[in-house]
Amino acid sequence: MRNLLIYEYVDAVARAGSIRKAAEFLSLTPSALNRRILSLEQELGAPLFERLGRGVRLSTAGELLVDIFRRQLAEVDRLKSQIADLSGLRRGSVAIACSQAALPYFLPQQISRYQVSHPGVTFQVLVRDGEAAGDALLDYSADLALVFEPLRLTDFQTILSVRQPIRAVMSKKHPLAGRDQLALEDCMDYPLILPSAPYAVRNLLEAAAGRLSLKLEPSVEAESYIFMKNFAALRQGISFELALGVPTAMIEPNLASISLELGPRHEGRLHLAQLRGRTLSVAAARFADQIAQALQSD
């Protein structure tokens, strides 16, 4: 495995955009790391990085090479996982890029449940939505993605896609808190706490409002669903989130989570995906199976 060190060195420099920062991460001196990179460049007969004033960036040759290196490193991780599984150790690591809605309840539950049976498996959770989640799969930062927005079908394979309704979240003292279901029109008389425009929940709300000839005018916009939820608990406003992020059985006692009827044309879906053509490690494949079963049962 020592022969793979140069793969890790090139990958680390590419991700850090700096030889100095990569050297700190790798516990090397910058000069030693730079010598290894220069030696590889000399061997290949082409520069892998463009040296800039405050860092480096991949050259065209470097982009080609780092993609091969990352695929090889991912294959080695898969092999290690398979060997550990054969010996009964069940070790490995799983990196998952996910939407914010999976963070408060769903993902902690699933990781905790998995580690009960496989305590040797470690996890890395990356908060990514849409294109950023796709980028994490493409550069092998993540094994799996759990996102509300569909990814490009040519690059990614959908393991599971499930309906994911949007819920209105408000204080238990809110005038609408006792309802079993709400329409978007019901919410318009109260301050709206909305996610920023790039988020899929905002896009669905805007589309539904347009169909009803309504205009959404947020009292507060934010990129954090945790902030929006907590702010709604303090005021008479209403925030919105995927059902996954505000399960009625677990939501904070001072909050109400109510089904929001937007119509079938504005129904969102949650996607569990991986990079097309990539064979997952044993640990990642088993965790994907567990998540898929949990989403289907819910």
C-alpha atoms as a PDB file:
ATOM      1  CA  MET A   1       0.000   0.000   0.000  1.00  0.00           C
ATOM      2  CA  ARG A   2       3.045   2.249   0.363  1.00  0.00           C
ATOM      3  CA  ASN A   3       3.073   2.650  -3.429  1.00  0.00           C
ATOM      4  CA  LEU A   4      -0.253   4.467  -3.164  1.00  0.00           C
ATOM      5  CA  LEU A   5       1.182   7.294  -1.061  1.00  0.00           C
ATOM      6  CA  ILE A   6       1.848   9.474  -4.096  1.00  0.00           C
ATOM      7  CA  TYR A   7      -1.825   9.050  -5.062  1.00  0.00           C
ATOM      8  CA  GLU A   8      -2.832  10.385  -1.649  1.00  0.00           C
ATOM      9  CA  TYR A   9      -0.307  13.226  -1.902  1.00  0.00           C
ATOM     10  CA  VAL A  10      -1.606  14.437  -5.271  1.00  0.00           C
ATOM     11  CA  ASP A  11      -5.220  14.101  -4.117  1.00  0.00           C
ATOM     12  CA  ALA A  12      -4.527  16.058  -0.912  1.00  0.00           C
ATOM     13  CA  VAL A  13      -2.806  18.914  -2.778  1.00  0.00           C
ATOM     14  CA  ALA A  14      -5.648  19.062  -5.321  1.00  0.00           C
ATOM     15  CA  ARG A  15      -8.280  19.279  -2.578  1.00  0.00           C
ATOM     16  CA  ALA A  16      -6.370  21.782  -0.460  1.00  0.00           C
ATOM     17  CA  GLY A  17      -5.272  23.985  -3.367  1.00  0.00           C
ATOM     18  CA  SER A  18      -2.010  24.493  -1.497  1.00  0.00           C
ATOM     19  CA  ILE A  19       1.107  22.399  -0.935  1.00  0.00           C
ATOM     20  CA  ARG A  20       1.538  23.922   2.516  1.00  0.00           C
ATOM     21  CA  LYS A  21      -2.019  23.097   3.632  1.00  0.00           C
ATOM     22  CA  ALA A  22      -1.809  19.605   2.154  1.00  0.00           C
ATOM     23  CA  ALA A  23       1.512  19.037   3.921  1.00  0.00           C
ATOM     24  CA  GLU A  24      -0.074  19.969   7.262  1.00  0.00           C
ATOM     25  CA  PHE A  25      -2.900  17.509   6.637  1.00  0.00           C
ATOM     26  CA  LEU A  26      -0.439  14.752   5.648  1.00  0.00           C
ATOM     27  CA  SER A  27       1.995  15.508   8.514  1.00  0.00           C
ATOM     28  CA  LEU A  28       4.815  16.237   6.054  1.00  0.00           C
ATOM     29  CA  THR A  29       7.039  19.234   5.500  1.00  0.00           C
ATOM     30  CA  PRO A  30       6.029  21.369   2.503  1.00  0.00           C
ATOM     31  CA  SER A  31       9.473  20.895   0.953  1.00  0.00           C
ATOM     32  CA  ALA A  32       9.254  17.089   1.196  1.00  0.00           C
ATOM     33  CA  LEU A  33       5.788  17.061  -0.349  1.00  0.00           C
ATOM     34  CA  ASN A  34       6.843  19.437  -3.097  1.00  0.00           C
ATOM     35  CA  ARG A  35       9.820  17.181  -3.944  1.00  0.00           C
ATOM     36  CA  ARG A  36       7.511  14.180  -4.333  1.00  0.00           C
ATOM     37  CA  ILE A  37       5.201  16.137  -6.622  1.00  0.00           C
ATOM     38  CA  LEU A  38       8.108  17.463  -8.704  1.00  0.00           C
ATOM     39  CA  SER A  39       9.535  13.945  -9.022  1.00  0.00           C
ATOM     40  CA  LEU A  40       6.218  12.621 -10.348  1.00  0.00           C
ATOM     41  CA  GLU A  41       5.911  15.548 -12.752  1.00  0.00           C
ATOM     42  CA  GLN A  42       9.410  14.826 -14.061  1.00  0.00           C
ATOM     43  CA  GLU A  43       8.555  11.162 -14.509  1.00  0.00           C
ATOM     44  CA  LEU A  44       5.372  11.996 -16.427  1.00  0.00           C
ATOM     45  CA  GLY A  45       6.952  14.792 -18.418  1.00  0.00           C
ATOM     46  CA  ALA A  46       4.155  17.241 -17.655  1.00  0.00           C
ATOM     47  CA  PRO A  47       3.252  19.609 -14.788  1.00  0.00           C
ATOM     48  CA  LEU A  48       0.351  18.385 -12.624  1.00  0.00           C
ATOM     49  CA  PHE A  49      -0.209  21.731 -10.927  1.00  0.00           C
ATOM     50  CA  GLU A  50      -0.063  25.361 -11.947  1.00  0.00           C
ATOM     51  CA  ARG A  51       1.912  27.242  -9.309  1.00  0.00           C
ATOM     52  CA  LEU A  52       0.019  30.398  -8.346  1.00  0.00           C
ATOM     53  CA  GLY A  53       0.843  33.224  -5.993  1.00  0.00           C
ATOM     54  CA  ARG A  54      -1.040  31.798  -3.030  1.00  0.00           C
ATOM     55  CA  GLY A  55      -1.435  28.169  -3.936  1.00  0.00           C
ATOM     56  CA  VAL A  56      -1.750  25.689  -6.772  1.00  0.00           C
ATOM     57  CA  ARG A  57      -4.449  24.377  -9.081  1.00  0.00           C
ATOM     58  CA  LEU A  58      -4.603  21.294 -11.238  1.00  0.00           C
ATOM     59  CA  SER A  59      -3.322  21.511 -14.789  1.00  0.00           C
ATOM     60  CA  THR A  60      -5.134  19.678 -17.572  1.00  0.00           C
ATOM     61  CA  ALA A  61      -2.769  16.738 -17.124  1.00  0.00           C
ATOM     62  CA  GLY A  62      -3.324  16.909 -13.368  1.00  0.00           C
ATOM     63  CA  GLU A  63      -7.098  16.731 -13.769  1.00  0.00           C
ATOM     64  CA  LEU A  64      -6.741  13.558 -15.830  1.00  0.00           C
ATOM     65  CA  LEU A  65      -4.349  11.992 -13.345  1.00  0.00           C
ATOM     66  CA  VAL A  66      -6.181  12.896 -10.144  1.00  0.00           C
ATOM     67  CA  ASP A  67      -9.376  11.309 -11.454  1.00  0.00           C
ATOM     68  CA  ILE A  68      -7.511   8.020 -11.985  1.00  0.00           C
ATOM     69  CA  PHE A  69      -5.837   8.305  -8.571  1.00  0.00           C
ATOM     70  CA  ARG A  70      -9.156   8.889  -6.802  1.00  0.00           C
ATOM     71  CA  ARG A  71     -10.743   5.910  -8.484  1.00  0.00           C
ATOM     72  CA  GLN A  72      -7.787   3.738  -7.491  1.00  0.00           C
ATOM     73  CA  LEU A  73      -7.907   4.950  -3.878  1.00  0.00           C
ATOM     74  CA  ALA A  74     -11.641   4.239  -3.741  1.00  0.00           C
ATOM     75  CA  GLU A  75     -11.010   0.717  -5.071  1.00  0.00           C
ATOM     76  CA  VAL A  76      -8.348   0.150  -2.412  1.00  0.00           C
ATOM     77  CA  ASP A  77     -10.789   1.263   0.308  1.00  0.00           C
ATOM     78  CA  ARG A  78     -13.342  -1.176  -1.095  1.00  0.00           C
ATOM     79  CA  LEU A  79     -10.754  -3.974  -1.076  1.00  0.00           C
ATOM     80  CA  LYS A  80      -9.795  -3.229   2.536  1.00  0.00           C
ATOM     81  CA  SER A  81     -13.474  -3.321   3.499  1.00  0.00           C
ATOM     82  CA  GLN A  82     -13.947  -6.681   1.782  1.00  0.00           C
ATOM     83  CA  ILE A  83     -10.873  -8.177   3.459  1.00  0.00           C
ATOM     84  CA  ALA A  84     -11.988  -6.890   6.867  1.00  0.00           C
ATOM     85  CA  ASP A  85     -15.442  -8.348   6.263  1.00  0.00           C
ATOM     86  CA  LEU A  86     -13.951 -11.750   5.424  1.00  0.00           C
ATOM     87  CA  SER A  87     -12.060 -11.758   8.705  1.00  0.00           C
ATOM     88  CA  GLY A  88     -15.166 -10.795  10.664  1.00  0.00           C
ATOM     89  CA  LEU A  89     -13.782  -7.396  11.690  1.00  0.00           C
ATOM     90  CA  ARG A  90     -16.344  -5.466   9.637  1.00  0.00           C
ATOM     91  CA  ARG A  91     -14.318  -2.305   9.381  1.00  0.00           C
ATOM     92  CA  GLY A  92     -14.402   0.452   6.820  1.00  0.00           C
ATOM     93  CA  SER A  93     -15.529   4.013   6.333  1.00  0.00           C
ATOM     94  CA  VAL A  94     -18.606   5.571   4.769  1.00  0.00           C
ATOM     95  CA  ALA A  95     -18.854   9.161   3.529  1.00  0.00           C
ATOM     96  CA  ILE A  96     -22.326  10.500   2.806  1.00  0.00           C
ATOM     97  CA  ALA A  97     -23.340  13.855   1.339  1.00  0.00           C
ATOM     98  CA  CYS A  98     -26.793  14.826   2.527  1.00  0.00           C
ATOM     99  CA  SER A  99     -29.379  17.573   2.623  1.00  0.00           C
ATOM    100  CA  GLN A 100     -29.851  19.445   5.903  1.00  0.00           C
ATOM    101  CA  ALA A 101     -33.156  17.686   6.528  1.00  0.00           C
ATOM    102  CA  ALA A 102     -31.346  14.393   7.199  1.00  0.00           C
ATOM    103  CA  LEU A 103     -29.113  15.874   9.919  1.00  0.00           C
ATOM    104  CA  PRO A 104     -31.287  16.361  13.018  1.00  0.00           C
ATOM    105  CA  TYR A 105     -32.958  12.951  13.319  1.00  0.00           C
ATOM    106  CA  PHE A 106     -32.776  10.530  10.397  1.00  0.00           C
ATOM    107  CA  LEU A 107     -29.043  10.228   9.793  1.00  0.00           C
ATOM    108  CA  PRO A 108     -27.978  10.134  13.474  1.00  0.00           C
ATOM    109  CA  GLN A 109     -30.491   7.315  14.012  1.00  0.00           C
ATOM    110  CA  GLN A 110     -29.286   5.357  10.994  1.00  0.00           C
ATOM    111  CA  ILE A 111     -25.572   5.732  11.745  1.00  0.00           C
ATOM    112  CA  SER A 112     -26.095   4.812  15.399  1.00  0.00           C
ATOM    113  CA  ARG A 113     -28.117   1.753  14.415  1.00  0.00           C
ATOM    114  CA  TYR A 114     -25.459   0.658  11.907  1.00  0.00           C
ATOM    115  CA  GLN A 115     -22.580   1.056  14.348  1.00  0.00           C
ATOM    116  CA  VAL A 116     -24.313  -1.165  16.904  1.00  0.00           C
ATOM    117  CA  SER A 117     -23.722  -4.091  14.528  1.00  0.00           C
ATOM    118  CA  HIS A 118     -20.556  -2.704  12.893  1.00  0.00           C
ATOM    119  CA  PRO A 119     -18.686  -0.670  15.550  1.00  0.00           C
ATOM    120  CA  GLY A 120     -15.499  -0.635  13.475  1.00  0.00           C
ATOM    121  CA  VAL A 121     -17.068   1.375  10.662  1.00  0.00           C
ATOM    122  CA  THR A 122     -16.469   5.125  10.737  1.00  0.00           C
ATOM    123  CA  PHE A 123     -18.595   7.804   9.083  1.00  0.00           C
ATOM    124  CA  GLN A 124     -18.064  11.214   7.516  1.00  0.00           C
ATOM    125  CA  VAL A 125     -21.152  13.388   6.990  1.00  0.00           C
ATOM    126  CA  LEU A 126     -20.970  16.190   4.406  1.00  0.00           C
ATOM    127  CA  VAL A 127     -23.769  18.762   4.240  1.00  0.00           C
ATOM    128  CA  ARG A 128     -24.381  19.119   0.505  1.00  0.00           C
ATOM    129  CA  ASP A 129     -27.412  19.838  -1.684  1.00  0.00           C
ATOM    130  CA  GLY A 130     -27.991  19.400  -5.392  1.00  0.00           C
ATOM    131  CA  GLU A 131     -24.937  20.126  -7.519  1.00  0.00           C
ATOM    132  CA  ALA A 132     -22.602  20.211  -4.510  1.00  0.00           C
ATOM    133  CA  ALA A 133     -23.689  16.675  -3.573  1.00  0.00           C
ATOM    134  CA  GLY A 134     -23.039  15.574  -7.139  1.00  0.00           C
ATOM    135  CA  ASP A 135     -19.551  17.095  -7.035  1.00  0.00           C
ATOM    136  CA  ALA A 136     -18.812  15.175  -3.817  1.00  0.00           C
ATOM    137  CA  LEU A 137     -19.694  11.906  -5.562  1.00  0.00           C
ATOM    138  CA  LEU A 138     -17.674  12.814  -8.649  1.00  0.00           C
ATOM    139  CA  ASP A 139     -14.475  13.597  -6.756  1.00  0.00           C
ATOM    140  CA  TYR A 140     -14.912  10.587  -4.437  1.00  0.00           C
ATOM    141  CA  SER A 141     -15.358  12.767  -1.338  1.00  0.00           C
ATOM    142  CA  ALA A 142     -18.636  10.893  -0.771  1.00  0.00           C
ATOM    143  CA  ASP A 143     -19.732   7.311  -1.364  1.00  0.00           C
ATOM    144  CA  LEU A 144     -23.429   8.110  -1.164  1.00  0.00           C
ATOM    145  CA  ALA A 145     -25.691  11.143  -1.521  1.00  0.00           C
ATOM    146  CA  LEU A 146     -29.064  11.627   0.176  1.00  0.00           C
ATOM    147  CA  VAL A 147     -30.583  14.746  -1.354  1.00  0.00           C
ATOM    148  CA  PHE A 148     -33.943  16.301  -2.124  1.00  0.00           C
ATOM    149  CA  GLU A 149     -32.982  17.289  -5.660  1.00  0.00           C
ATOM    150  CA  PRO A 150     -32.360  14.759  -8.446  1.00  0.00           C
ATOM    151  CA  LEU A 151     -28.789  14.430  -9.694  1.00  0.00           C
ATOM    152  CA  ARG A 152     -27.674  14.243 -13.326  1.00  0.00           C
ATOM    153  CA  LEU A 153     -28.736  10.813 -14.535  1.00  0.00           C
ATOM    154  CA  THR A 154     -25.746  10.391 -16.855  1.00  0.00           C
ATOM    155  CA  ASP A 155     -23.247  10.541 -13.964  1.00  0.00           C
ATOM    156  CA  PHE A 156     -25.228   9.102 -11.074  1.00  0.00           C
ATOM    157  CA  GLN A 157     -27.230   6.008 -10.257  1.00  0.00           C
ATOM    158  CA  THR A 158     -30.348   6.406  -8.138  1.00  0.00           C
ATOM    159  CA  ILE A 159     -30.551   3.645  -5.546  1.00  0.00           C
ATOM    160  CA  LEU A 160     -33.939   4.797  -4.261  1.00  0.00           C
ATOM    161  CA  SER A 161     -36.296   7.715  -4.786  1.00  0.00           C
ATOM    162  CA  VAL A 162     -39.148   8.270  -2.326  1.00  0.00           C
ATOM    163  CA  ARG A 163     -41.888  10.849  -1.973  1.00  0.00           C
ATOM    164  CA  GLN A 164     -40.991  13.471   0.595  1.00  0.00           C
ATOM    165  CA  PRO A 165     -43.785  15.858   1.589  1.00  0.00           C
ATOM    166  CA  ILE A 166     -43.179  19.345   2.913  1.00  0.00           C
ATOM    167  CA  ARG A 167     -44.436  20.263   6.363  1.00  0.00           C
ATOM    168  CA  ALA A 168     -45.238  23.641   7.889  1.00  0.00           C
ATOM    169  CA  VAL A 169     -43.389  24.212  11.166  1.00  0.00           C
ATOM    170  CA  MET A 170     -44.563  26.671  13.817  1.00  0.00           C
ATOM    171  CA  SER A 171     -44.852  27.305  17.519  1.00  0.00           C
ATOM    172  CA  LYS A 172     -47.279  25.113  19.449  1.00  0.00           C
ATOM    173  CA  LYS A 173     -48.991  28.392  20.406  1.00  0.00           C
ATOM    174  CA  HIS A 174     -49.548  29.427  16.778  1.00  0.00           C
ATOM    175  CA  PRO A 175     -53.206  29.899  15.750  1.00  0.00           C
ATOM    176  CA  LEU A 176     -52.818  27.192  13.071  1.00  0.00           C
ATOM    177  CA  ALA A 177     -50.981  24.702  15.273  1.00  0.00           C
ATOM    178  CA  GLY A 178     -54.072  22.608  15.953  1.00  0.00           C
ATOM    179  CA  ARG A 179     -54.770  21.801  12.285  1.00  0.00           C
ATOM    180  CA  ASP A 180     -54.144  18.342  10.811  1.00  0.00           C
ATOM    181  CA  GLN A 181     -53.330  19.751   7.370  1.00  0.00           C
ATOM    182  CA  LEU A 182     -52.684  23.156   5.836  1.00  0.00           C
ATOM    183  CA  ALA A 183     -52.901  24.652   2.377  1.00  0.00           C
ATOM    184  CA  LEU A 184     -50.362  27.248   1.287  1.00  0.00           C
ATOM    185  CA  GLU A 185     -53.139  29.865   1.270  1.00  0.00           C
ATOM    186  CA  ASP A 186     -53.641  29.278   5.020  1.00  0.00           C
ATOM    187  CA  CYS A 187     -50.083  30.388   5.715  1.00  0.00           C
ATOM    188  CA  MET A 188     -50.096  33.632   3.762  1.00  0.00           C
ATOM    189  CA  ASP A 189     -51.541  35.743   6.591  1.00  0.00           C
ATOM    190  CA  TYR A 190     -48.543  35.026   8.816  1.00  0.00           C
ATOM    191  CA  PRO A 191     -44.828  35.930   8.573  1.00  0.00           C
ATOM    192  CA  LEU A 192     -43.090  33.440   6.295  1.00  0.00           C
ATOM    193  CA  ILE A 193     -39.665  32.068   7.225  1.00  0.00           C
ATOM    194  CA  LEU A 194     -38.292  30.687   3.967  1.00  0.00           C
ATOM    195  CA  PRO A 195     -35.156  28.904   2.812  1.00  0.00           C
ATOM    196  CA  SER A 196     -33.010  30.816   0.336  1.00  0.00           C
ATOM    197  CA  ALA A 197     -33.832  30.571  -3.356  1.00  0.00           C
ATOM    198  CA  PRO A 198     -31.325  27.840  -4.363  1.00  0.00           C
ATOM    199  CA  TYR A 199     -32.935  25.284  -2.047  1.00  0.00           C
ATOM    200  CA  ALA A 200     -35.403  22.831  -3.582  1.00  0.00           C
ATOM    201  CA  VAL A 201     -38.014  23.397  -0.858  1.00  0.00           C
ATOM    202  CA  ARG A 202     -38.109  27.094  -1.772  1.00  0.00           C
ATOM    203  CA  ASN A 203     -38.442  26.240  -5.463  1.00  0.00           C
ATOM    204  CA  LEU A 204     -41.403  23.946  -4.789  1.00  0.00           C
ATOM    205  CA  LEU A 205     -43.103  26.556  -2.625  1.00  0.00           C
ATOM    206  CA  GLU A 206     -42.602  29.215  -5.295  1.00  0.00           C
ATOM    207  CA  ALA A 207     -44.031  26.930  -7.991  1.00  0.00           C
ATOM    208  CA  ALA A 208     -47.082  26.116  -5.878  1.00  0.00           C
ATOM    209  CA  ALA A 209     -47.604  29.798  -5.072  1.00  0.00           C
ATOM    210  CA  GLY A 210     -47.386  30.704  -8.757  1.00  0.00           C
ATOM    211  CA  ARG A 211     -50.089  28.176  -9.610  1.00  0.00           C
ATOM    212  CA  LEU A 212     -52.344  29.839  -7.027  1.00  0.00           C
ATOM    213  CA  SER A 213     -51.406  33.370  -8.158  1.00  0.00           C
ATOM    214  CA  LEU A 214     -49.825  34.012  -4.752  1.00  0.00           C
ATOM    215  CA  LYS A 215     -46.581  35.864  -4.081  1.00  0.00           C
ATOM    216  CA  LEU A 216     -44.284  34.615  -1.357  1.00  0.00           C
ATOM    217  CA  GLU A 217     -42.838  37.528   0.612  1.00  0.00           C
ATOM    218  CA  PRO A 218     -40.536  36.186   3.322  1.00  0.00           C
ATOM    219  CA  SER A 219     -40.228  37.907   6.657  1.00  0.00           C
ATOM    220  CA  VAL A 220     -36.908  36.074   7.101  1.00  0.00           C
ATOM    221  CA  GLU A 221     -34.755  34.127   4.625  1.00  0.00           C
ATOM    222  CA  ALA A 222     -32.021  31.740   5.771  1.00  0.00           C
ATOM    223  CA  GLU A 223     -29.789  28.911   4.607  1.00  0.00           C
ATOM    224  CA  SER A 224     -30.155  26.942   7.845  1.00  0.00           C
ATOM    225  CA  TYR A 225     -33.254  24.885   8.538  1.00  0.00           C
ATOM    226  CA  ILE A 226     -32.257  24.657  12.193  1.00  0.00           C
ATOM    227  CA  PHE A 227     -32.298  28.463  12.406  1.00  0.00           C
ATOM    228  CA  MET A 228     -35.670  28.699  10.644  1.00  0.00           C
ATOM    229  CA  LYS A 229     -37.219  26.073  12.884  1.00  0.00           C
ATOM    230  CA  ASN A 230     -35.943  27.698  16.079  1.00  0.00           C
ATOM    231  CA  PHE A 231     -36.972  31.164  14.887  1.00  0.00           C
ATOM    232  CA  ALA A 232     -40.490  29.906  14.175  1.00  0.00           C
ATOM    233  CA  ALA A 233     -40.700  28.656  17.764  1.00  0.00           C
ATOM    234  CA  LEU A 234     -40.148  32.214  19.035  1.00  0.00           C
ATOM    235  CA  ARG A 235     -42.541  34.123  16.765  1.00  0.00           C
ATOM    236  CA  GLN A 236     -45.893  33.760  15.037  1.00  0.00           C
ATOM    237  CA  GLY A 237     -44.155  32.927  11.776  1.00  0.00           C
ATOM    238  CA  ILE A 238     -44.237  29.706   9.776  1.00  0.00           C
ATOM    239  CA  SER A 239     -41.229  27.867   8.370  1.00  0.00           C
ATOM    240  CA  PHE A 240     -41.187  24.898   5.994  1.00  0.00           C
ATOM    241  CA  GLU A 241     -39.129  21.731   5.894  1.00  0.00           C
ATOM    242  CA  LEU A 242     -39.068  18.206   4.529  1.00  0.00           C
ATOM    243  CA  ALA A 243     -40.956  15.688   6.642  1.00  0.00           C
ATOM    244  CA  LEU A 244     -37.679  13.848   7.226  1.00  0.00           C
ATOM    245  CA  GLY A 245     -36.352  16.825   9.176  1.00  0.00           C
ATOM    246  CA  VAL A 246     -39.361  17.359  11.431  1.00  0.00           C
ATOM    247  CA  PRO A 247     -40.841  13.958  12.382  1.00  0.00           C
ATOM    248  CA  THR A 248     -43.956  14.529  14.468  1.00  0.00           C
ATOM    249  CA  ALA A 249     -42.957  11.887  17.025  1.00  0.00           C
ATOM    250  CA  MET A 250     -39.566  13.490  17.733  1.00  0.00           C
ATOM    251  CA  ILE A 251     -39.908  17.199  17.051  1.00  0.00           C
ATOM    252  CA  GLU A 252     -39.229  19.602  19.914  1.00  0.00           C
ATOM    253  CA  PRO A 253     -42.186  19.884  22.325  1.00  0.00           C
ATOM    254  CA  ASN A 254     -42.609  23.620  21.668  1.00  0.00           C
ATOM    255  CA  LEU A 255     -43.070  23.094  17.914  1.00  0.00           C
ATOM    256  CA  ALA A 256     -45.856  21.798  15.696  1.00  0.00           C
ATOM    257  CA  SER A 257     -45.193  20.033  12.382  1.00  0.00           C
ATOM    258  CA  ILE A 258     -48.227  20.034  10.067  1.00  0.00           C
ATOM    259  CA  SER A 259     -48.685  18.463   6.646  1.00  0.00           C
ATOM    260  CA  LEU A 260     -48.718  21.039   3.842  1.00  0.00           C
ATOM    261  CA  GLU A 261     -50.875  20.220   0.825  1.00  0.00           C
ATOM    262  CA  LEU A 262     -49.212  21.523  -2.347  1.00  0.00           C
ATOM    263  CA  GLY A 263     -50.790  19.155  -4.867  1.00  0.00           C
ATOM    264  CA  PRO A 264     -49.172  16.236  -6.757  1.00  0.00           C
ATOM    265  CA  ARG A 265     -47.533  18.527  -9.337  1.00  0.00           C
ATOM    266  CA  HIS A 266     -45.408  20.090  -6.594  1.00  0.00           C
ATOM    267  CA  GLU A 267     -44.484  16.928  -4.746  1.00  0.00           C
ATOM    268  CA  GLY A 268     -40.822  16.579  -3.872  1.00  0.00           C
ATOM    269  CA  ARG A 269     -38.763  13.414  -3.813  1.00  0.00           C
ATOM    270  CA  LEU A 270     -35.765  12.371  -1.755  1.00  0.00           C
ATOM    271  CA  HIS A 271     -33.001  10.599  -3.689  1.00  0.00           C
ATOM    272  CA  LEU A 272     -30.411   8.133  -2.442  1.00  0.00           C
ATOM    273  CA  ALA A 273     -27.685   7.953  -5.100  1.00  0.00           C
ATOM    274  CA  GLN A 274     -24.139   6.880  -5.895  1.00  0.00           C
ATOM    275  CA  LEU A 275     -21.675   7.531  -8.691  1.00  0.00           C
ATOM    276  CA  ARG A 276     -22.631   5.493 -11.755  1.00  0.00           C
ATOM    277  CA  GLY A 277     -20.216   2.655 -12.423  1.00  0.00           C
ATOM    278  CA  ARG A 278     -18.583   2.798  -8.984  1.00  0.00           C
ATOM    279  CA  THR A 279     -18.597  -0.362  -6.899  1.00  0.00           C
ATOM    280  CA  LEU A 280     -19.205   0.604  -3.291  1.00  0.00           C
ATOM    281  CA  SER A 281     -17.258  -0.818  -0.380  1.00  0.00           C
ATOM    282  CA  VAL A 282     -18.992  -3.466   1.701  1.00  0.00           C
ATOM    283  CA  ALA A 283     -19.598  -0.927   4.496  1.00  0.00           C
ATOM    284  CA  ALA A 284     -21.091   1.704   2.147  1.00  0.00           C
ATOM    285  CA  ALA A 285     -23.236  -0.832   0.265  1.00  0.00           C
ATOM    286  CA  ARG A 286     -24.687  -2.242   3.490  1.00  0.00           C
ATOM    287  CA  PHE A 287     -25.380   1.218   4.841  1.00  0.00           C
ATOM    288  CA  ALA A 288     -27.123   2.148   1.575  1.00  0.00           C
ATOM    289  CA  ASP A 289     -29.325  -0.943   1.947  1.00  0.00           C
ATOM    290  CA  GLN A 290     -30.191   0.039   5.517  1.00  0.00           C
ATOM    291  CA  ILE A 291     -31.108   3.615   4.526  1.00  0.00           C
ATOM    292  CA  ALA A 292     -33.223   2.373   1.615  1.00  0.00           C
ATOM    293  CA  GLN A 293     -35.149   0.006   3.878  1.00  0.00           C
ATOM    294  CA  ALA A 294     -35.702   2.731   6.471  1.00  0.00           C
ATOM    295  CA  LEU A 295     -36.989   5.219   3.881  1.00  0.00           C
ATOM    296  CA  GLN A 296     -39.312   2.650   2.333  1.00  0.00           C
ATOM    297  CA  SER A 297     -40.743   1.615   5.706  1.00  0.00           C
ATOM    298  CA  ASP A 298     -41.288   5.274   6.679  1.00  0.00           C
END
